[in-house]
Amino acid sequence: LLGMRLAFDHLVSLGHTEIVHIVGPQNLSTGYLR
């Protein structure tokens, strides 16, 4: 959760408003939590 917050906040700070997340497999905790 923190990792994605750091990445998202970085992109927002650069001025991005059209951000897409490529989502990992949802049967894995990594994909689900990210």
Full PDB file with SEQRES, HELIX, SHEET, SSBOND, CRYST1, ORIGX, SCALE, CONECT and MASTER records, all heavy atoms in Angstrom:
SEQRES   1 A   34  LEU LEU GLY MET ARG LEU ALA PHE ASP HIS LEU VAL SER          
SEQRES   2 A   34  LEU GLY HIS THR GLU ILE VAL HIS ILE VAL GLY PRO GLN          
SEQRES   3 A   34  ASN LEU SER THR GLY TYR LEU ARG                              
HELIX    1 AA1 LEU A    2  SER A   13  1                                  12    
HELIX    2 AA2 SER A   29  LEU A   33  1                                   5    
CRYST1    1.000    1.000    1.000  90.00  90.00  90.00 P 1           1          
ORIGX1      1.000000  0.000000  0.000000        0.00000                         
ORIGX2      0.000000  1.000000  0.000000        0.00000                         
ORIGX3      0.000000  0.000000  1.000000        0.00000                         
SCALE1      1.000000  0.000000  0.000000        0.00000                         
SCALE2      0.000000  1.000000  0.000000        0.00000                         
SCALE3      0.000000  0.000000  1.000000        0.00000                         
ATOM      1  N   LEU A   1       0.827  -1.199   0.000  1.00  0.00           N  
ATOM      2  CA  LEU A   1       0.000   0.000   0.000  1.00  0.00           C  
ATOM      3  C   LEU A   1       0.866   1.256   0.000  1.00  0.00           C  
ATOM      4  O   LEU A   1       0.615   2.210  -0.753  1.00  0.00           O  
ATOM      5  CB  LEU A   1      -0.938   0.003   1.209  1.00  0.00           C  
ATOM      6  CG  LEU A   1      -1.891  -1.188   1.335  1.00  0.00           C  
ATOM      7  CD1 LEU A   1      -2.779  -1.019   2.573  1.00  0.00           C  
ATOM      8  CD2 LEU A   1      -2.748  -1.340   0.094  1.00  0.00           C  
ATOM      9  N   LEU A   2       1.902   1.244   0.827  1.00  0.00           N  
ATOM     10  CA  LEU A   2       2.806   2.383   0.881  1.00  0.00           C  
ATOM     11  C   LEU A   2       3.575   2.516  -0.437  1.00  0.00           C  
ATOM     12  O   LEU A   2       3.773   3.629  -0.945  1.00  0.00           O  
ATOM     13  CB  LEU A   2       3.778   2.234   2.046  1.00  0.00           C  
ATOM     14  CG  LEU A   2       4.875   3.300   2.150  1.00  0.00           C  
ATOM     15  CD1 LEU A   2       4.269   4.693   2.286  1.00  0.00           C  
ATOM     16  CD2 LEU A   2       5.800   3.002   3.326  1.00  0.00           C  
ATOM     17  N   GLY A   3       4.013   1.399  -0.978  1.00  0.00           N  
ATOM     18  CA  GLY A   3       4.772   1.443  -2.225  1.00  0.00           C  
ATOM     19  C   GLY A   3       3.983   2.101  -3.352  1.00  0.00           C  
ATOM     20  O   GLY A   3       4.510   2.955  -4.093  1.00  0.00           O  
ATOM     21  N   MET A   4       2.719   1.732  -3.480  1.00  0.00           N  
ATOM     22  CA  MET A   4       1.893   2.326  -4.532  1.00  0.00           C  
ATOM     23  C   MET A   4       1.602   3.791  -4.242  1.00  0.00           C  
ATOM     24  O   MET A   4       1.520   4.614  -5.173  1.00  0.00           O  
ATOM     25  CB  MET A   4       0.593   1.534  -4.674  1.00  0.00           C  
ATOM     26  CG  MET A   4       0.790   0.138  -5.239  1.00  0.00           C  
ATOM     27  SD  MET A   4       1.566   0.114  -6.876  1.00  0.00           S  
ATOM     28  CE  MET A   4       0.215   0.653  -7.914  1.00  0.00           C  
ATOM     29  N   ARG A   5       1.475   4.125  -2.988  1.00  0.00           N  
ATOM     30  CA  ARG A   5       1.251   5.535  -2.634  1.00  0.00           C  
ATOM     31  C   ARG A   5       2.460   6.383  -3.046  1.00  0.00           C  
ATOM     32  O   ARG A   5       2.312   7.483  -3.599  1.00  0.00           O  
ATOM     33  CB  ARG A   5       0.993   5.659  -1.133  1.00  0.00           C  
ATOM     34  CG  ARG A   5       0.801   7.096  -0.640  1.00  0.00           C  
ATOM     35  CD  ARG A   5      -0.461   7.724  -1.227  1.00  0.00           C  
ATOM     36  NE  ARG A   5      -0.618   9.112  -0.829  1.00  0.00           N  
ATOM     37  CZ  ARG A   5      -1.338   9.508   0.221  1.00  0.00           C  
ATOM     38  NH1 ARG A   5      -1.956   8.617   0.991  1.00  0.00           N  
ATOM     39  NH2 ARG A   5      -1.451  10.783   0.518  1.00  0.00           N  
ATOM     40  N   LEU A   6       3.657   5.878  -2.801  1.00  0.00           N  
ATOM     41  CA  LEU A   6       4.872   6.611  -3.179  1.00  0.00           C  
ATOM     42  C   LEU A   6       4.934   6.822  -4.691  1.00  0.00           C  
ATOM     43  O   LEU A   6       5.264   7.918  -5.169  1.00  0.00           O  
ATOM     44  CB  LEU A   6       6.113   5.841  -2.711  1.00  0.00           C  
ATOM     45  CG  LEU A   6       6.329   5.717  -1.201  1.00  0.00           C  
ATOM     46  CD1 LEU A   6       7.492   4.779  -0.914  1.00  0.00           C  
ATOM     47  CD2 LEU A   6       6.577   7.086  -0.577  1.00  0.00           C  
ATOM     48  N   ALA A   7       4.613   5.760  -5.441  1.00  0.00           N  
ATOM     49  CA  ALA A   7       4.680   5.846  -6.902  1.00  0.00           C  
ATOM     50  C   ALA A   7       3.614   6.793  -7.452  1.00  0.00           C  
ATOM     51  O   ALA A   7       3.885   7.629  -8.326  1.00  0.00           O  
ATOM     52  CB  ALA A   7       4.518   4.453  -7.505  1.00  0.00           C  
ATOM     53  N   PHE A   8       2.401   6.668  -6.940  1.00  0.00           N  
ATOM     54  CA  PHE A   8       1.298   7.507  -7.427  1.00  0.00           C  
ATOM     55  C   PHE A   8       1.557   8.975  -7.095  1.00  0.00           C  
ATOM     56  O   PHE A   8       1.390   9.855  -7.951  1.00  0.00           O  
ATOM     57  CB  PHE A   8      -0.020   7.043  -6.813  1.00  0.00           C  
ATOM     58  CG  PHE A   8      -1.226   7.679  -7.439  1.00  0.00           C  
ATOM     59  CD1 PHE A   8      -1.859   7.090  -8.508  1.00  0.00           C  
ATOM     60  CD2 PHE A   8      -1.726   8.879  -6.953  1.00  0.00           C  
ATOM     61  CE1 PHE A   8      -2.975   7.672  -9.095  1.00  0.00           C  
ATOM     62  CE2 PHE A   8      -2.841   9.485  -7.528  1.00  0.00           C  
ATOM     63  CZ  PHE A   8      -3.470   8.879  -8.614  1.00  0.00           C  
ATOM     64  N   ASP A   9       1.959   9.239  -5.877  1.00  0.00           N  
ATOM     65  CA  ASP A   9       2.221  10.627  -5.475  1.00  0.00           C  
ATOM     66  C   ASP A   9       3.328  11.244  -6.327  1.00  0.00           C  
ATOM     67  O   ASP A   9       3.296  12.446  -6.642  1.00  0.00           O  
ATOM     68  CB  ASP A   9       2.609  10.685  -3.997  1.00  0.00           C  
ATOM     69  CG  ASP A   9       1.425  10.468  -3.069  1.00  0.00           C  
ATOM     70  OD1 ASP A   9       0.288  10.359  -3.562  1.00  0.00           O  
ATOM     71  OD2 ASP A   9       1.639  10.389  -1.842  1.00  0.00           O  
ATOM     72  N   HIS A  10       4.316  10.443  -6.689  1.00  0.00           N  
ATOM     73  CA  HIS A  10       5.403  10.942  -7.540  1.00  0.00           C  
ATOM     74  C   HIS A  10       4.862  11.393  -8.894  1.00  0.00           C  
ATOM     75  O   HIS A  10       5.203  12.488  -9.377  1.00  0.00           O  
ATOM     76  CB  HIS A  10       6.446   9.838  -7.721  1.00  0.00           C  
ATOM     77  CG  HIS A  10       7.460  10.117  -8.789  1.00  0.00           C  
ATOM     78  ND1 HIS A  10       8.351  11.167  -8.705  1.00  0.00           N  
ATOM     79  CD2 HIS A  10       7.708   9.495  -9.988  1.00  0.00           C  
ATOM     80  CE1 HIS A  10       9.124  11.180  -9.789  1.00  0.00           C  
ATOM     81  NE2 HIS A  10       8.748  10.177 -10.577  1.00  0.00           N  
ATOM     82  N   LEU A  11       4.007  10.576  -9.501  1.00  0.00           N  
ATOM     83  CA  LEU A  11       3.456  10.933 -10.810  1.00  0.00           C  
ATOM     84  C   LEU A  11       2.563  12.160 -10.720  1.00  0.00           C  
ATOM     85  O   LEU A  11       2.590  13.036 -11.598  1.00  0.00           O  
ATOM     86  CB  LEU A  11       2.687   9.747 -11.385  1.00  0.00           C  
ATOM     87  CG  LEU A  11       3.542   8.540 -11.768  1.00  0.00           C  
ATOM     88  CD1 LEU A  11       2.662   7.365 -12.202  1.00  0.00           C  
ATOM     89  CD2 LEU A  11       4.536   8.895 -12.874  1.00  0.00           C  
ATOM     90  N   VAL A  12       1.773  12.245  -9.659  1.00  0.00           N  
ATOM     91  CA  VAL A  12       0.913  13.417  -9.465  1.00  0.00           C  
ATOM     92  C   VAL A  12       1.762  14.677  -9.277  1.00  0.00           C  
ATOM     93  O   VAL A  12       1.442  15.746  -9.810  1.00  0.00           O  
ATOM     94  CB  VAL A  12      -0.027  13.199  -8.268  1.00  0.00           C  
ATOM     95  CG1 VAL A  12      -0.737  14.499  -7.894  1.00  0.00           C  
ATOM     96  CG2 VAL A  12      -1.053  12.122  -8.590  1.00  0.00           C  
ATOM     97  N   SER A  13       2.860  14.551  -8.537  1.00  0.00           N  
ATOM     98  CA  SER A  13       3.720  15.717  -8.297  1.00  0.00           C  
ATOM     99  C   SER A  13       4.345  16.237  -9.594  1.00  0.00           C  
ATOM    100  O   SER A  13       4.684  17.423  -9.697  1.00  0.00           O  
ATOM    101  CB  SER A  13       4.831  15.354  -7.296  1.00  0.00           C  
ATOM    102  OG  SER A  13       5.797  14.492  -7.899  1.00  0.00           O  
ATOM    103  N   LEU A  14       4.472  15.359 -10.598  1.00  0.00           N  
ATOM    104  CA  LEU A  14       5.009  15.765 -11.895  1.00  0.00           C  
ATOM    105  C   LEU A  14       3.938  16.395 -12.785  1.00  0.00           C  
ATOM    106  O   LEU A  14       4.252  16.933 -13.848  1.00  0.00           O  
ATOM    107  CB  LEU A  14       5.613  14.550 -12.612  1.00  0.00           C  
ATOM    108  CG  LEU A  14       6.861  13.933 -11.976  1.00  0.00           C  
ATOM    109  CD1 LEU A  14       7.257  12.659 -12.713  1.00  0.00           C  
ATOM    110  CD2 LEU A  14       8.022  14.922 -11.972  1.00  0.00           C  
ATOM    111  N   GLY A  15       2.675  16.291 -12.360  1.00  0.00           N  
ATOM    112  CA  GLY A  15       1.593  16.904 -13.113  1.00  0.00           C  
ATOM    113  C   GLY A  15       0.756  15.952 -13.936  1.00  0.00           C  
ATOM    114  O   GLY A  15      -0.090  16.385 -14.740  1.00  0.00           O  
ATOM    115  N   HIS A  16       0.920  14.657 -13.739  1.00  0.00           N  
ATOM    116  CA  HIS A  16       0.152  13.681 -14.523  1.00  0.00           C  
ATOM    117  C   HIS A  16      -1.279  13.571 -13.996  1.00  0.00           C  
ATOM    118  O   HIS A  16      -1.511  13.469 -12.785  1.00  0.00           O  
ATOM    119  CB  HIS A  16       0.824  12.311 -14.466  1.00  0.00           C  
ATOM    120  CG  HIS A  16       2.102  12.244 -15.239  1.00  0.00           C  
ATOM    121  ND1 HIS A  16       2.139  12.077 -16.603  1.00  0.00           N  
ATOM    122  CD2 HIS A  16       3.393  12.348 -14.830  1.00  0.00           C  
ATOM    123  CE1 HIS A  16       3.405  12.062 -17.006  1.00  0.00           C  
ATOM    124  NE2 HIS A  16       4.182  12.235 -15.949  1.00  0.00           N  
ATOM    125  N   THR A  17      -2.221  13.585 -14.936  1.00  0.00           N  
ATOM    126  CA  THR A  17      -3.641  13.406 -14.596  1.00  0.00           C  
ATOM    127  C   THR A  17      -4.253  12.221 -15.339  1.00  0.00           C  
ATOM    128  O   THR A  17      -5.403  11.866 -15.084  1.00  0.00           O  
ATOM    129  CB  THR A  17      -4.448  14.670 -14.939  1.00  0.00           C  
ATOM    130  OG1 THR A  17      -4.294  14.974 -16.336  1.00  0.00           O  
ATOM    131  CG2 THR A  17      -3.980  15.853 -14.108  1.00  0.00           C  
ATOM    132  N   GLU A  18      -3.487  11.622 -16.251  1.00  0.00           N  
ATOM    133  CA  GLU A  18      -3.949  10.448 -17.011  1.00  0.00           C  
ATOM    134  C   GLU A  18      -3.019   9.279 -16.686  1.00  0.00           C  
ATOM    135  O   GLU A  18      -2.096   8.960 -17.427  1.00  0.00           O  
ATOM    136  CB  GLU A  18      -3.966  10.736 -18.513  1.00  0.00           C  
ATOM    137  CG  GLU A  18      -4.901  11.854 -18.926  1.00  0.00           C  
ATOM    138  CD  GLU A  18      -6.377  11.472 -18.777  1.00  0.00           C  
ATOM    139  OE1 GLU A  18      -6.679  10.256 -18.717  1.00  0.00           O  
ATOM    140  OE2 GLU A  18      -7.220  12.391 -18.723  1.00  0.00           O  
ATOM    141  N   ILE A  19      -3.251   8.669 -15.531  1.00  0.00           N  
ATOM    142  CA  ILE A  19      -2.401   7.589 -15.028  1.00  0.00           C  
ATOM    143  C   ILE A  19      -3.159   6.272 -15.124  1.00  0.00           C  
ATOM    144  O   ILE A  19      -4.324   6.186 -14.720  1.00  0.00           O  
ATOM    145  CB  ILE A  19      -1.994   7.835 -13.562  1.00  0.00           C  
ATOM    146  CG1 ILE A  19      -1.256   9.180 -13.427  1.00  0.00           C  
ATOM    147  CG2 ILE A  19      -1.116   6.698 -13.040  1.00  0.00           C  
ATOM    148  CD1 ILE A  19      -0.997   9.594 -11.990  1.00  0.00           C  
ATOM    149  N   VAL A  20      -2.504   5.241 -15.632  1.00  0.00           N  
ATOM    150  CA  VAL A  20      -3.094   3.904 -15.724  1.00  0.00           C  
ATOM    151  C   VAL A  20      -2.257   2.930 -14.912  1.00  0.00           C  
ATOM    152  O   VAL A  20      -1.021   2.918 -15.027  1.00  0.00           O  
ATOM    153  CB  VAL A  20      -3.191   3.418 -17.185  1.00  0.00           C  
ATOM    154  CG1 VAL A  20      -3.779   2.005 -17.236  1.00  0.00           C  
ATOM    155  CG2 VAL A  20      -4.041   4.368 -18.007  1.00  0.00           C  
ATOM    156  N   HIS A  21      -2.923   2.131 -14.119  1.00  0.00           N  
ATOM    157  CA  HIS A  21      -2.244   1.059 -13.376  1.00  0.00           C  
ATOM    158  C   HIS A  21      -2.422  -0.257 -14.118  1.00  0.00           C  
ATOM    159  O   HIS A  21      -3.550  -0.668 -14.405  1.00  0.00           O  
ATOM    160  CB  HIS A  21      -2.829   0.949 -11.972  1.00  0.00           C  
ATOM    161  CG  HIS A  21      -2.287  -0.201 -11.167  1.00  0.00           C  
ATOM    162  ND1 HIS A  21      -0.974  -0.628 -11.252  1.00  0.00           N  
ATOM    163  CD2 HIS A  21      -2.891  -1.032 -10.261  1.00  0.00           C  
ATOM    164  CE1 HIS A  21      -0.781  -1.652 -10.433  1.00  0.00           C  
ATOM    165  NE2 HIS A  21      -1.937  -1.913  -9.838  1.00  0.00           N  
ATOM    166  N   ILE A  22      -1.315  -0.906 -14.463  1.00  0.00           N  
ATOM    167  CA  ILE A  22      -1.370  -2.265 -15.010  1.00  0.00           C  
ATOM    168  C   ILE A  22      -1.373  -3.211 -13.819  1.00  0.00           C  
ATOM    169  O   ILE A  22      -0.378  -3.333 -13.097  1.00  0.00           O  
ATOM    170  CB  ILE A  22      -0.198  -2.553 -15.950  1.00  0.00           C  
ATOM    171  CG1 ILE A  22      -0.268  -1.620 -17.166  1.00  0.00           C  
ATOM    172  CG2 ILE A  22      -0.233  -4.011 -16.402  1.00  0.00           C  
ATOM    173  CD1 ILE A  22       0.813  -1.864 -18.198  1.00  0.00           C  
ATOM    174  N   VAL A  23      -2.501  -3.866 -13.619  1.00  0.00           N  
ATOM    175  CA  VAL A  23      -2.779  -4.616 -12.391  1.00  0.00           C  
ATOM    176  C   VAL A  23      -2.234  -6.041 -12.488  1.00  0.00           C  
ATOM    177  O   VAL A  23      -2.495  -6.754 -13.460  1.00  0.00           O  
ATOM    178  CB  VAL A  23      -4.294  -4.650 -12.132  1.00  0.00           C  
ATOM    179  CG1 VAL A  23      -4.605  -5.428 -10.863  1.00  0.00           C  
ATOM    180  CG2 VAL A  23      -4.854  -3.234 -12.050  1.00  0.00           C  
ATOM    181  N   GLY A  24      -1.491  -6.452 -11.482  1.00  0.00           N  
ATOM    182  CA  GLY A  24      -0.978  -7.815 -11.426  1.00  0.00           C  
ATOM    183  C   GLY A  24      -2.071  -8.819 -11.078  1.00  0.00           C  
ATOM    184  O   GLY A  24      -3.187  -8.435 -10.706  1.00  0.00           O  
ATOM    185  N   PRO A  25      -1.769 -10.120 -11.174  1.00  0.00           N  
ATOM    186  CA  PRO A  25      -2.760 -11.167 -10.909  1.00  0.00           C  
ATOM    187  C   PRO A  25      -3.412 -11.014  -9.537  1.00  0.00           C  
ATOM    188  O   PRO A  25      -2.731 -10.859  -8.519  1.00  0.00           O  
ATOM    189  CB  PRO A  25      -1.924 -12.458 -10.978  1.00  0.00           C  
ATOM    190  CG  PRO A  25      -0.771 -12.102 -11.864  1.00  0.00           C  
ATOM    191  CD  PRO A  25      -0.459 -10.676 -11.560  1.00  0.00           C  
ATOM    192  N   GLN A  26      -4.728 -11.080  -9.504  1.00  0.00           N  
ATOM    193  CA  GLN A  26      -5.463 -10.824  -8.274  1.00  0.00           C  
ATOM    194  C   GLN A  26      -5.517 -12.024  -7.334  1.00  0.00           C  
ATOM    195  O   GLN A  26      -5.981 -11.902  -6.201  1.00  0.00           O  
ATOM    196  CB  GLN A  26      -6.873 -10.350  -8.602  1.00  0.00           C  
ATOM    197  CG  GLN A  26      -6.902  -8.966  -9.235  1.00  0.00           C  
ATOM    198  CD  GLN A  26      -6.327  -7.904  -8.320  1.00  0.00           C  
ATOM    199  OE1 GLN A  26      -6.958  -7.482  -7.363  1.00  0.00           O  
ATOM    200  NE2 GLN A  26      -5.106  -7.468  -8.598  1.00  0.00           N  
ATOM    201  N   ASN A  27      -5.069 -13.181  -7.790  1.00  0.00           N  
ATOM    202  CA  ASN A  27      -4.979 -14.327  -6.881  1.00  0.00           C  
ATOM    203  C   ASN A  27      -3.717 -14.266  -6.035  1.00  0.00           C  
ATOM    204  O   ASN A  27      -3.538 -15.075  -5.116  1.00  0.00           O  
ATOM    205  CB  ASN A  27      -5.025 -15.650  -7.655  1.00  0.00           C  
ATOM    206  CG  ASN A  27      -3.803 -15.854  -8.524  1.00  0.00           C  
ATOM    207  OD1 ASN A  27      -3.324 -14.917  -9.175  1.00  0.00           O  
ATOM    208  ND2 ASN A  27      -3.295 -17.072  -8.568  1.00  0.00           N  
ATOM    209  N   LEU A  28      -2.846 -13.311  -6.325  1.00  0.00           N  
ATOM    210  CA  LEU A  28      -1.612 -13.118  -5.555  1.00  0.00           C  
ATOM    211  C   LEU A  28      -1.751 -11.881  -4.677  1.00  0.00           C  
ATOM    212  O   LEU A  28      -2.316 -10.863  -5.104  1.00  0.00           O  
ATOM    213  CB  LEU A  28      -0.412 -12.958  -6.486  1.00  0.00           C  
ATOM    214  CG  LEU A  28      -0.184 -14.068  -7.512  1.00  0.00           C  
ATOM    215  CD1 LEU A  28       1.043 -13.757  -8.354  1.00  0.00           C  
ATOM    216  CD2 LEU A  28      -0.040 -15.423  -6.824  1.00  0.00           C  
ATOM    217  N   SER A  29      -1.223 -11.954  -3.471  1.00  0.00           N  
ATOM    218  CA  SER A  29      -1.334 -10.819  -2.554  1.00  0.00           C  
ATOM    219  C   SER A  29      -0.668  -9.575  -3.117  1.00  0.00           C  
ATOM    220  O   SER A  29      -1.141  -8.454  -2.881  1.00  0.00           O  
ATOM    221  CB  SER A  29      -0.712 -11.181  -1.201  1.00  0.00           C  
ATOM    222  OG  SER A  29       0.678 -11.444  -1.339  1.00  0.00           O  
ATOM    223  N   THR A  30       0.414  -9.758  -3.870  1.00  0.00           N  
ATOM    224  CA  THR A  30       1.108  -8.604  -4.442  1.00  0.00           C  
ATOM    225  C   THR A  30       0.200  -7.847  -5.408  1.00  0.00           C  
ATOM    226  O   THR A  30       0.081  -6.623  -5.343  1.00  0.00           O  
ATOM    227  CB  THR A  30       2.384  -9.053  -5.148  1.00  0.00           C  
ATOM    228  OG1 THR A  30       2.093 -10.182  -5.988  1.00  0.00           O  
ATOM    229  CG2 THR A  30       3.454  -9.445  -4.142  1.00  0.00           C  
ATOM    230  N   GLY A  31      -0.443  -8.574  -6.323  1.00  0.00           N  
ATOM    231  CA  GLY A  31      -1.337  -7.924  -7.272  1.00  0.00           C  
ATOM    232  C   GLY A  31      -2.537  -7.293  -6.593  1.00  0.00           C  
ATOM    233  O   GLY A  31      -2.935  -6.159  -6.905  1.00  0.00           O  
ATOM    234  N   TYR A  32      -3.105  -8.014  -5.648  1.00  0.00           N  
ATOM    235  CA  TYR A  32      -4.302  -7.546  -4.940  1.00  0.00           C  
ATOM    236  C   TYR A  32      -4.006  -6.290  -4.121  1.00  0.00           C  
ATOM    237  O   TYR A  32      -4.754  -5.300  -4.169  1.00  0.00           O  
ATOM    238  CB  TYR A  32      -4.815  -8.665  -4.035  1.00  0.00           C  
ATOM    239  CG  TYR A  32      -6.026  -8.316  -3.229  1.00  0.00           C  
ATOM    240  CD1 TYR A  32      -7.299  -8.309  -3.802  1.00  0.00           C  
ATOM    241  CD2 TYR A  32      -5.917  -7.983  -1.873  1.00  0.00           C  
ATOM    242  CE1 TYR A  32      -8.427  -7.980  -3.056  1.00  0.00           C  
ATOM    243  CE2 TYR A  32      -7.035  -7.662  -1.128  1.00  0.00           C  
ATOM    244  CZ  TYR A  32      -8.284  -7.660  -1.722  1.00  0.00           C  
ATOM    245  OH  TYR A  32      -9.388  -7.330  -0.975  1.00  0.00           O  
ATOM    246  N   LEU A  33      -2.908  -6.313  -3.371  1.00  0.00           N  
ATOM    247  CA  LEU A  33      -2.599  -5.187  -2.493  1.00  0.00           C  
ATOM    248  C   LEU A  33      -2.082  -3.976  -3.273  1.00  0.00           C  
ATOM    249  O   LEU A  33      -2.343  -2.829  -2.885  1.00  0.00           O  
ATOM    250  CB  LEU A  33      -1.582  -5.612  -1.434  1.00  0.00           C  
ATOM    251  CG  LEU A  33      -2.103  -6.613  -0.401  1.00  0.00           C  
ATOM    252  CD1 LEU A  33      -0.974  -7.106   0.490  1.00  0.00           C  
ATOM    253  CD2 LEU A  33      -3.215  -5.994   0.436  1.00  0.00           C  
ATOM    254  N   ARG A  34      -1.350  -4.212  -4.357  1.00  0.00           N  
ATOM    255  CA  ARG A  34      -0.891  -3.075  -5.155  1.00  0.00           C  
ATOM    256  C   ARG A  34      -2.067  -2.380  -5.837  1.00  0.00           C  
ATOM    257  O   ARG A  34      -2.085  -1.153  -5.955  1.00  0.00           O  
ATOM    258  CB  ARG A  34       0.156  -3.536  -6.172  1.00  0.00           C  
ATOM    259  CG  ARG A  34       1.478  -3.897  -5.516  1.00  0.00           C  
ATOM    260  CD  ARG A  34       2.467  -4.563  -6.454  1.00  0.00           C  
ATOM    261  NE  ARG A  34       3.543  -5.182  -5.669  1.00  0.00           N  
ATOM    262  CZ  ARG A  34       4.510  -5.947  -6.166  1.00  0.00           C  
ATOM    263  NH1 ARG A  34       4.541  -6.195  -7.469  1.00  0.00           N  
ATOM    264  NH2 ARG A  34       5.422  -6.471  -5.372  1.00  0.00           N  
TER     265      ARG A  34                                                      
MASTER        0    0    0    2    0    0    0    6  264    1    0    3          
END                                                                             
